Amino acid sequence: MNSKIIITGLVAAIVIVAGGSAAYMIANQSKSPIPEVEATVEIYGNANNDAYMDGDDINLLKEIADSGYWDSSKYPFADADLDGFITNKDVEIVQKIINEESCTVYYKNYFGEAQPLSYPMKGQPIGLTYWQQAEMMAALGLWNLVKAGPHNYQNWYNHLYPLDGVTIYQAKNSHNSGVTDSASEIFKSTGVKVIVATPTEANKTALQKFIDDGVNVIYLWYTGDWSIPTMMTLGILLGAKEKAKEYYDFANDVINTINDRLDGHTRKTALVCSNSVKMGSDAITTTFSIHSNPHEGNYYFTNLVANAYTNSSDLTEFGASSRSMEWLLLHDKEFDYLGMWVNQSGFANGADNSGVMITQAQYNERFDAGVDGYQQTTAYKNGNIFAMPYDMLGGISGYGLVMTIAFVMYPDLFTLEEAQDKLQEWFDRFTVSGQVGDGINVRTMGAYIYTGDYYKTSYSSYLS
């Protein structure tokens, strides 16, 4: 079965000028959790709703302008200048975007606003707020432009990113992507002209002063089914269209391979949960976290392989929710597998400033520390609990690990070797880890799959 990626983000075409603001509010619609969809780059002027800004948009805009009729529900991003009409002015703006010539570009940011940016931004110094943005810059071939970032780059990710040219600022804590006073000072002193930021309301407030001073601040979500459209959008805005297309093709290949292989087979069911659960004295009131919405990569990438439990209510800002062990036992028969995420593992460092990559033994220990919390479930008893490192599934890099998820759930259809090959391809093509030491060899370094013998997994006999 040949499938095409469709990740839609259609919005209402009617724009309302925000009083006293340069932004226009757009109806913010949720993304579809369906794996097989078409990536829509939400830049105004992308008339045909695809993943590119090219001659096809020019031709469609000319047709609309000549006819005098614009179906804004069918072509919501056609109006490049947001004046409410499709004219030759829109054609001229799109041509400037294609030619990387100076103009104002509007894109739909995470907050549902049509936000103006000064274009082009190619070659400009970049500031970042978290490790997911670092992943994106590395994958787009723009790491050499990164001038400022938070201290978790140094604490946990110095095996992945060379930091010689990056000024590190102090975030609130090592897991925080908030813009602190330290961040603002460093952004200013390093002269960054573009800030790619985690889209939170707090960051939006903190970074408004940079927008007022003419700095381009980009707010896009960085994981789950946002990964492809975000990468394609950044590729256009930052002048890295070729690398963005490479990423698109890599992800497309993974999805098509999985869909082709699973065609005609019943997909397993899965619950994506934390490994931090501990058994209480009654083993019932204990709570644990789940990800059940495409906002989070853990859920989305698992859902490419299985039918993952879906829920869109009671979610935190970052897509998680809490459940009781009683809830899990009541729903026990609904899940073939439980997929745990393990924080700061895999190819990250062992501890703050340790400089030591997580070893397989350490990874297994972290898995073992949480797996017993699920021992009453059918999935546990059948060996159907697996774990993946959050620092791979929590960002755009998840497509490099999807084949590994496929292997652990369907070891008779997917092999460990092809999963390792795909993960190695990710590191070789879309990271700058080769600039740090001797690079990453996924077969001999780090950890990304449980291989311990404390808990007997259903895929254990397939491990080489």
Protein backbone atom coordinates (compact mmCIF):
# COMPACT_ATOMS: atom_id res chain seq x y z
CA MET A 1 0.00 0.00 0.00
CA ASN A 2 1.51 3.30 -1.04
CA SER A 3 0.44 6.03 1.36
CA LYS A 4 1.13 9.72 1.37
CA ILE A 5 1.86 11.78 4.45
CA ILE A 6 -0.98 14.16 5.23
CA ILE A 7 -0.63 16.29 8.29
CA THR A 8 -3.26 18.94 7.96
CA GLY A 9 -3.72 22.12 9.85
CA LEU A 10 -6.52 23.86 8.01
CA VAL A 11 -7.70 27.07 9.60
CA ALA A 12 -10.55 29.50 9.11
CA ALA A 13 -9.72 31.99 6.39
CA ILE A 14 -11.39 34.93 8.09
CA VAL A 15 -8.79 37.00 9.93
CA ILE A 16 -9.51 39.52 12.66
CA VAL A 17 -7.03 42.30 13.26
CA ALA A 18 -5.88 42.11 16.88
CA GLY A 19 -6.26 45.53 18.43
CA GLY A 20 -2.94 47.35 18.68
CA SER A 21 -1.06 44.26 17.55
CA ALA A 22 0.73 43.18 14.40
CA ALA A 23 -0.79 39.71 14.67
CA TYR A 24 -4.05 38.43 13.19
CA MET A 25 -5.98 35.81 15.15
CA ILE A 26 -6.85 32.60 13.31
CA ALA A 27 -9.14 29.76 14.41
CA ASN A 28 -6.72 27.22 15.93
CA GLN A 29 -7.76 23.71 14.99
CA SER A 30 -6.25 20.52 16.36
CA LYS A 31 -4.14 18.20 14.25
CA SER A 32 -5.39 14.85 13.04
CA PRO A 33 -3.95 11.75 14.76
CA ILE A 34 -4.31 9.73 11.53
CA PRO A 35 -0.85 8.67 10.30
CA GLU A 36 -1.55 8.79 6.56
CA VAL A 37 -1.94 12.44 5.64
CA GLU A 38 -0.44 15.53 3.51
CA ALA A 39 1.89 18.10 5.15
CA THR A 40 0.49 21.61 4.97
CA VAL A 41 3.01 24.43 5.35
CA GLU A 42 1.01 27.14 7.08
CA ILE A 43 2.64 30.12 5.43
CA TYR A 44 0.25 32.57 3.81
CA GLY A 45 0.73 32.40 0.08
CA ASN A 46 0.88 28.59 0.13
CA ALA A 47 -2.25 28.60 -2.00
CA ASN A 48 -2.57 24.86 -2.63
CA ASN A 49 -2.05 23.71 0.99
CA ASP A 50 0.92 21.45 0.27
CA ALA A 51 4.40 21.19 1.81
CA TYR A 52 6.09 23.68 -0.52
CA MET A 53 6.11 27.25 -1.77
CA ASP A 54 6.65 26.97 -5.51
CA GLY A 55 5.34 27.65 -9.01
CA ASP A 56 2.18 25.65 -8.32
CA ASP A 57 1.15 28.32 -5.82
CA ILE A 58 1.91 31.06 -8.32
CA ASN A 59 -0.25 29.40 -10.97
CA LEU A 60 -3.16 28.84 -8.58
CA LEU A 61 -3.02 32.43 -7.30
CA LYS A 62 -3.13 33.73 -10.87
CA GLU A 63 -6.14 31.54 -11.61
CA ILE A 64 -7.96 32.80 -8.51
CA ALA A 65 -7.07 36.43 -9.25
CA ASP A 66 -8.19 36.14 -12.87
CA SER A 67 -11.49 34.47 -11.95
CA GLY A 68 -12.27 36.94 -9.20
CA TYR A 69 -13.51 34.13 -6.95
CA TRP A 70 -11.60 32.84 -3.93
CA ASP A 71 -12.93 29.83 -1.99
CA SER A 72 -11.24 30.67 1.30
CA SER A 73 -12.39 27.44 2.92
CA LYS A 74 -10.64 25.40 0.20
CA TYR A 75 -7.55 27.63 -0.04
CA PRO A 76 -7.17 29.18 3.44
CA PHE A 77 -3.53 30.22 3.03
CA ALA A 78 -3.81 31.82 -0.41
CA ASP A 79 -3.96 35.42 0.84
CA ALA A 80 -0.24 36.18 1.22
CA ASP A 81 -0.68 39.80 2.37
CA LEU A 82 -3.83 39.19 4.45
CA ASP A 83 -5.80 42.01 2.84
CA GLY A 84 -8.84 39.81 2.27
CA PHE A 85 -8.39 39.58 -1.52
CA ILE A 86 -6.37 37.52 -3.99
CA THR A 87 -4.57 39.86 -6.37
CA ASN A 88 -1.28 40.20 -8.20
CA LYS A 89 0.19 41.49 -4.93
CA ASP A 90 -0.13 37.98 -3.53
CA VAL A 91 1.57 36.56 -6.59
CA GLU A 92 4.44 39.03 -6.16
CA ILE A 93 4.92 38.12 -2.50
CA VAL A 94 5.02 34.39 -3.20
CA GLN A 95 7.52 34.98 -5.99
CA LYS A 96 9.70 36.88 -3.52
CA ILE A 97 9.44 34.00 -1.04
CA ILE A 98 10.51 31.54 -3.74
CA ASN A 99 13.37 33.82 -4.82
CA GLU A 100 14.37 34.54 -1.18
CA GLU A 101 13.89 38.28 -1.70
CA SER A 102 13.02 40.82 0.96
CA CYS A 103 9.35 40.94 2.01
CA THR A 104 7.03 40.45 4.97
CA VAL A 105 5.91 36.85 5.40
CA TYR A 106 2.95 35.78 7.50
CA TYR A 107 2.79 32.28 8.97
CA LYS A 108 0.30 30.65 11.33
CA ASN A 109 2.12 30.23 14.61
CA TYR A 110 1.33 27.74 17.37
CA PHE A 111 -0.96 30.23 19.09
CA GLY A 112 -3.21 30.42 16.04
CA GLU A 113 -1.99 33.84 14.98
CA ALA A 114 -0.94 35.00 11.54
CA GLN A 115 2.40 36.34 12.70
CA PRO A 116 4.53 38.63 10.49
CA LEU A 117 8.22 37.92 9.96
CA SER A 118 10.91 39.84 8.11
CA TYR A 119 12.04 37.62 5.26
CA PRO A 120 14.52 36.23 4.26
CA MET A 121 16.34 34.92 7.36
CA LYS A 122 18.93 32.81 5.61
CA GLY A 123 22.34 32.96 7.27
CA GLN A 124 21.19 34.96 10.30
CA PRO A 125 22.44 34.07 13.83
CA ILE A 126 19.97 31.92 15.77
CA GLY A 127 18.98 31.62 19.43
CA LEU A 128 17.17 28.55 20.81
CA THR A 129 15.21 27.73 23.96
CA TYR A 130 15.31 23.93 24.28
CA TRP A 131 16.82 20.75 22.90
CA GLN A 132 14.00 20.10 20.42
CA GLN A 133 14.92 23.32 18.64
CA ALA A 134 18.54 22.15 18.60
CA GLU A 135 17.43 18.95 16.88
CA MET A 136 15.64 20.94 14.21
CA MET A 137 18.58 23.24 13.51
CA ALA A 138 20.98 20.29 13.26
CA ALA A 139 18.64 18.39 10.92
CA LEU A 140 18.29 21.48 8.71
CA GLY A 141 22.07 21.88 8.48
CA LEU A 142 21.97 25.17 10.39
CA TRP A 143 23.82 24.28 13.57
CA ASN A 144 26.72 26.56 12.68
CA LEU A 145 24.31 29.52 12.94
CA VAL A 146 23.23 28.69 16.51
CA LYS A 147 24.78 31.25 18.87
CA ALA A 148 22.81 30.79 22.12
CA GLY A 149 20.97 28.00 23.94
CA PRO A 150 20.03 26.64 27.38
CA HIS A 151 22.33 24.76 29.75
CA ASN A 152 20.68 21.37 29.14
CA TYR A 153 22.68 21.29 25.89
CA GLN A 154 25.76 21.18 28.07
CA ASN A 155 24.40 18.95 30.81
CA TRP A 156 22.80 16.17 28.76
CA TYR A 157 23.35 16.64 25.07
CA ASN A 158 27.04 17.42 24.62
CA HIS A 159 27.46 14.09 22.82
CA LEU A 160 25.12 15.37 20.10
CA TYR A 161 25.98 19.04 19.63
CA PRO A 162 29.37 20.80 19.41
CA LEU A 163 29.09 23.82 21.68
CA ASP A 164 32.27 25.77 20.89
CA GLY A 165 30.36 28.54 19.14
CA VAL A 166 27.28 28.48 21.40
CA THR A 167 26.89 30.74 24.43
CA ILE A 168 25.02 28.85 27.15
CA TYR A 169 22.46 30.55 29.34
CA GLN A 170 20.93 29.34 32.58
CA ALA A 171 17.36 28.07 32.26
CA LYS A 172 15.08 27.76 35.29
CA ASN A 173 16.05 24.12 35.58
CA SER A 174 17.51 21.47 33.31
CA HIS A 175 14.08 20.41 32.04
CA ASN A 176 12.81 23.93 31.45
CA SER A 177 12.39 25.63 28.09
CA GLY A 178 11.33 28.95 29.57
CA VAL A 179 13.08 32.17 28.59
CA THR A 180 14.80 33.54 31.70
CA ASP A 181 16.53 36.87 32.29
CA SER A 182 19.77 35.01 31.60
CA ALA A 183 18.40 33.88 28.24
CA SER A 184 17.33 37.40 27.29
CA GLU A 185 20.74 38.80 28.18
CA ILE A 186 22.54 36.13 26.15
CA PHE A 187 20.23 36.53 23.16
CA LYS A 188 20.98 40.25 23.19
CA SER A 189 24.75 39.97 23.75
CA THR A 190 25.20 37.36 21.01
CA GLY A 191 23.24 39.46 18.52
CA VAL A 192 20.81 36.74 17.45
CA LYS A 193 18.42 37.85 14.72
CA VAL A 194 16.17 34.76 14.84
CA ILE A 195 14.85 32.99 17.94
CA VAL A 196 13.20 29.59 17.51
CA ALA A 197 11.27 29.22 20.75
CA THR A 198 9.15 26.70 22.58
CA PRO A 199 5.62 28.09 22.12
CA THR A 200 4.42 28.79 25.64
CA GLU A 201 2.50 31.85 26.81
CA ALA A 202 5.35 32.66 29.22
CA ASN A 203 7.90 32.65 26.39
CA LYS A 204 5.58 34.71 24.24
CA THR A 205 5.48 37.40 26.92
CA ALA A 206 9.21 37.28 27.59
CA LEU A 207 10.19 37.50 23.92
CA GLN A 208 7.82 40.27 22.85
CA LYS A 209 10.57 42.83 23.53
CA PHE A 210 12.76 41.11 20.94
CA ILE A 211 9.96 41.24 18.37
CA ASP A 212 9.57 44.94 19.14
CA ASP A 213 13.29 45.35 18.43
CA GLY A 214 13.01 43.64 15.04
CA VAL A 215 14.14 40.11 15.95
CA ASN A 216 12.23 37.33 14.21
CA VAL A 217 10.75 35.00 16.85
CA ILE A 218 9.29 31.75 15.51
CA TYR A 219 6.73 29.76 17.52
CA LEU A 220 6.12 26.28 16.10
CA TRP A 221 5.46 22.98 17.85
CA TYR A 222 8.31 20.55 17.45
CA THR A 223 7.06 16.99 17.83
CA GLY A 224 4.26 14.57 17.03
CA ASP A 225 2.32 15.25 13.86
CA TRP A 226 3.68 18.82 13.84
CA SER A 227 7.18 17.51 13.02
CA ILE A 228 6.95 17.47 9.24
CA PRO A 229 5.03 20.73 8.63
CA THR A 230 7.24 22.50 11.18
CA MET A 231 10.41 21.30 9.49
CA MET A 232 9.12 22.22 6.05
CA THR A 233 8.06 25.66 7.31
CA LEU A 234 11.44 26.30 8.94
CA GLY A 235 13.14 25.11 5.77
CA ILE A 236 11.40 27.87 3.82
CA LEU A 237 11.79 30.60 6.43
CA LEU A 238 15.44 29.88 7.24
CA GLY A 239 16.63 29.06 3.74
CA ALA A 240 17.10 25.31 4.22
CA LYS A 241 14.50 23.89 1.84
CA GLU A 242 16.69 21.08 0.52
CA LYS A 243 17.46 19.65 3.97
CA ALA A 244 13.81 20.00 4.98
CA LYS A 245 12.84 17.99 1.90
CA GLU A 246 15.38 15.31 2.85
CA TYR A 247 13.72 15.06 6.26
CA TYR A 248 10.28 14.86 4.66
CA ASP A 249 11.44 12.01 2.40
CA PHE A 250 13.07 10.18 5.32
CA ALA A 251 9.85 10.33 7.37
CA ASN A 252 7.77 9.40 4.34
CA ASP A 253 9.92 6.33 3.73
CA VAL A 254 9.49 5.18 7.35
CA ILE A 255 5.72 5.60 7.27
CA ASN A 256 5.34 3.89 3.90
CA THR A 257 7.53 0.97 4.98
CA ILE A 258 5.46 0.41 8.10
CA ASN A 259 2.14 0.74 6.30
CA ASP A 260 3.24 -1.62 3.54
CA ARG A 261 4.53 -4.22 6.01
CA LEU A 262 1.46 -4.08 8.24
CA ASP A 263 -1.02 -4.11 5.37
CA GLY A 264 -3.38 -7.03 5.99
CA HIS A 265 -2.26 -7.46 9.60
CA THR A 266 -4.23 -6.47 12.69
CA ARG A 267 -2.46 -3.63 14.47
CA LYS A 268 -1.72 -4.05 18.16
CA THR A 269 -3.22 -1.72 20.73
CA ALA A 270 -0.96 0.28 23.03
CA LEU A 271 -0.98 2.67 25.97
CA VAL A 272 1.90 5.17 26.10
CA CYS A 273 2.86 5.75 29.72
CA SER A 274 5.62 6.85 32.08
CA ASN A 275 8.09 4.58 33.82
CA SER A 276 7.85 6.51 37.07
CA VAL A 277 4.96 4.55 38.58
CA LYS A 278 5.57 2.99 41.99
CA MET A 279 3.30 0.45 43.62
CA GLY A 280 1.43 1.82 46.62
CA SER A 281 0.46 -0.34 49.58
CA ASP A 282 -2.93 -0.99 47.99
CA ALA A 283 -1.54 -1.04 44.41
CA ILE A 284 -4.63 0.88 43.31
CA THR A 285 -4.33 4.56 44.22
CA THR A 286 -0.92 4.93 42.59
CA THR A 287 -0.99 7.34 39.67
CA PHE A 288 1.10 7.48 36.52
CA SER A 289 1.32 9.71 33.46
CA ILE A 290 0.12 8.89 29.97
CA HIS A 291 0.53 10.55 26.60
CA SER A 292 -2.55 10.07 24.48
CA ASN A 293 -2.61 12.94 22.01
CA PRO A 294 -0.52 13.74 18.89
CA HIS A 295 0.76 16.82 20.72
CA GLU A 296 3.39 14.48 22.14
CA GLY A 297 5.86 12.50 20.11
CA ASN A 298 5.71 9.41 22.32
CA TYR A 299 2.07 8.95 21.44
CA TYR A 300 2.31 10.00 17.81
CA PHE A 301 5.25 7.81 16.86
CA THR A 302 3.79 4.80 18.67
CA ASN A 303 0.50 5.42 16.89
CA LEU A 304 2.26 5.11 13.54
CA VAL A 305 2.85 1.47 14.42
CA ALA A 306 -0.10 0.57 16.65
CA ASN A 307 -3.54 1.74 17.64
CA ALA A 308 -2.50 3.90 20.57
CA TYR A 309 -4.97 4.97 23.24
CA THR A 310 -6.34 8.40 22.32
CA ASN A 311 -7.61 11.05 24.68
CA SER A 312 -7.83 14.81 24.25
CA SER A 313 -9.21 15.87 27.63
CA ASP A 314 -7.54 16.81 30.92
CA LEU A 315 -4.18 17.31 29.22
CA THR A 316 -1.36 19.43 30.58
CA GLU A 317 0.21 22.16 28.46
CA PHE A 318 2.53 19.57 26.96
CA GLY A 319 0.02 16.84 26.24
CA ALA A 320 0.20 14.54 29.29
CA SER A 321 -2.48 13.48 31.76
CA SER A 322 -2.60 11.50 34.97
CA ARG A 323 -4.34 8.15 35.49
CA SER A 324 -4.79 5.85 38.48
CA MET A 325 -3.76 2.22 38.63
CA GLU A 326 -7.43 1.46 39.19
CA TRP A 327 -8.21 3.05 35.82
CA LEU A 328 -5.53 0.98 34.13
CA LEU A 329 -6.80 -2.28 35.62
CA LEU A 330 -10.34 -1.46 34.56
CA HIS A 331 -9.08 -0.93 30.99
CA ASP A 332 -6.49 -3.70 31.11
CA LYS A 333 -7.96 -5.85 28.33
CA GLU A 334 -7.96 -2.91 25.90
CA PHE A 335 -4.15 -2.79 25.59
CA ASP A 336 -1.89 -5.40 24.03
CA TYR A 337 1.20 -3.34 24.85
CA LEU A 338 2.35 -0.69 27.28
CA GLY A 339 5.02 1.59 25.86
CA MET A 340 7.04 3.43 28.51
CA TRP A 341 9.19 6.49 27.95
CA VAL A 342 12.44 6.84 29.87
CA ASN A 343 13.65 10.40 30.44
CA GLN A 344 17.17 11.56 29.56
CA SER A 345 18.38 8.22 28.34
CA GLY A 346 19.52 6.67 25.12
CA PHE A 347 22.15 8.99 23.69
CA ALA A 348 22.05 11.63 26.42
CA ASN A 349 24.50 11.92 29.31
CA GLY A 350 24.27 9.93 32.52
CA ALA A 351 24.00 12.89 34.88
CA ASP A 352 24.45 16.66 34.97
CA ASN A 353 27.86 17.52 33.56
CA SER A 354 29.03 13.92 33.83
CA GLY A 355 29.98 13.75 30.18
CA VAL A 356 29.09 10.05 30.25
CA MET A 357 26.55 8.67 27.82
CA ILE A 358 23.85 6.43 29.23
CA THR A 359 25.01 2.83 28.94
CA GLN A 360 22.84 -0.15 28.10
CA ALA A 361 23.06 -1.33 31.71
CA GLN A 362 21.93 2.07 33.02
CA TYR A 363 19.09 2.16 30.54
CA ASN A 364 17.97 -1.31 31.62
CA GLU A 365 18.11 -0.24 35.27
CA ARG A 366 15.83 2.71 34.56
CA PHE A 367 13.41 0.43 32.77
CA ASP A 368 13.46 -2.08 35.64
CA ALA A 369 12.80 0.69 38.15
CA GLY A 370 9.41 1.38 36.60
CA VAL A 371 8.21 -1.81 34.97
CA ASP A 372 7.16 -3.51 38.22
CA GLY A 373 4.54 -0.84 38.69
CA TYR A 374 2.58 -2.52 35.91
CA GLN A 375 2.95 -6.12 37.03
CA GLN A 376 -0.78 -6.63 37.50
CA THR A 377 -1.50 -5.92 33.85
CA THR A 378 -1.93 -8.48 31.10
CA ALA A 379 0.68 -6.67 29.01
CA TYR A 380 3.26 -7.16 31.76
CA LYS A 381 2.46 -10.84 32.10
CA ASN A 382 2.76 -11.35 28.33
CA GLY A 383 6.11 -9.59 28.11
CA ASN A 384 4.48 -6.78 26.15
CA ILE A 385 5.99 -3.78 27.92
CA PHE A 386 8.68 -1.92 26.01
CA ALA A 387 10.48 1.37 26.52
CA MET A 388 11.95 4.02 24.29
CA PRO A 389 14.14 7.01 25.19
CA TYR A 390 12.17 10.23 25.50
CA ASP A 391 15.06 12.22 24.05
CA MET A 392 14.44 10.44 20.73
CA LEU A 393 10.63 10.33 20.73
CA GLY A 394 10.21 13.77 22.27
CA GLY A 395 11.28 15.62 19.14
CA ILE A 396 11.50 15.42 15.37
CA SER A 397 14.02 12.56 15.66
CA GLY A 398 11.21 10.12 16.44
CA TYR A 399 11.07 8.98 12.83
CA GLY A 400 14.51 7.48 13.38
CA LEU A 401 13.15 5.24 16.13
CA VAL A 402 9.79 4.20 14.71
CA MET A 403 11.23 1.09 13.07
CA THR A 404 12.51 0.02 16.49
CA ILE A 405 8.99 0.33 17.90
CA ALA A 406 7.76 -1.74 14.97
CA PHE A 407 10.37 -4.40 15.72
CA VAL A 408 9.49 -4.79 19.41
CA MET A 409 5.76 -5.03 18.65
CA TYR A 410 5.97 -7.15 15.48
CA PRO A 411 9.32 -9.00 15.63
CA ASP A 412 8.08 -11.49 13.07
CA LEU A 413 7.54 -8.69 10.52
CA PHE A 414 10.41 -6.28 11.30
CA THR A 415 14.02 -7.01 12.16
CA LEU A 416 16.35 -5.45 14.70
CA GLU A 417 18.96 -4.98 11.99
CA GLU A 418 16.74 -2.82 9.78
CA ALA A 419 15.65 -0.82 12.83
CA GLN A 420 19.30 -0.19 13.71
CA ASP A 421 20.05 0.78 10.11
CA LYS A 422 17.27 3.37 10.11
CA LEU A 423 18.37 4.81 13.44
CA GLN A 424 21.96 4.99 12.21
CA GLU A 425 20.76 6.75 9.08
CA TRP A 426 19.08 9.35 11.26
CA PHE A 427 22.30 10.11 13.13
CA ASP A 428 24.42 10.10 9.99
CA ARG A 429 22.16 12.35 7.91
CA PHE A 430 20.32 14.62 10.32
CA THR A 431 22.55 15.27 13.32
CA VAL A 432 25.94 16.86 13.92
CA SER A 433 27.04 14.12 16.31
CA GLY A 434 29.85 13.26 13.90
CA GLN A 435 31.45 16.57 14.89
CA VAL A 436 31.58 15.44 18.53
CA GLY A 437 34.23 12.80 19.21
CA ASP A 438 33.89 9.85 16.86
CA GLY A 439 30.16 10.27 16.30
CA ILE A 440 27.36 7.88 17.22
CA ASN A 441 27.37 4.17 16.42
CA VAL A 442 23.94 2.92 17.44
CA ARG A 443 25.07 -0.71 17.60
CA THR A 444 27.85 -0.07 20.10
CA MET A 445 26.95 3.15 21.93
CA GLY A 446 24.11 4.48 24.04
CA ALA A 447 20.84 2.63 24.41
CA TYR A 448 17.44 2.78 22.80
CA ILE A 449 15.78 -0.56 23.60
CA TYR A 450 15.51 -2.71 26.74
CA THR A 451 17.81 -5.72 26.58
CA GLY A 452 17.91 -6.75 30.25
CA ASP A 453 17.02 -10.17 31.62
CA TYR A 454 15.15 -9.05 34.73
CA TYR A 455 11.95 -8.64 32.74
CA LYS A 456 11.28 -11.13 29.95
CA THR A 457 10.03 -9.26 26.90
CA SER A 458 8.10 -10.79 24.03
CA TYR A 459 10.86 -9.73 21.63
CA SER A 460 13.79 -11.02 23.74
CA SER A 461 14.39 -14.07 21.60
CA TYR A 462 14.77 -11.86 18.50
CA LEU A 463 17.61 -9.79 19.96
CA SER A 464 20.99 -10.55 18.45
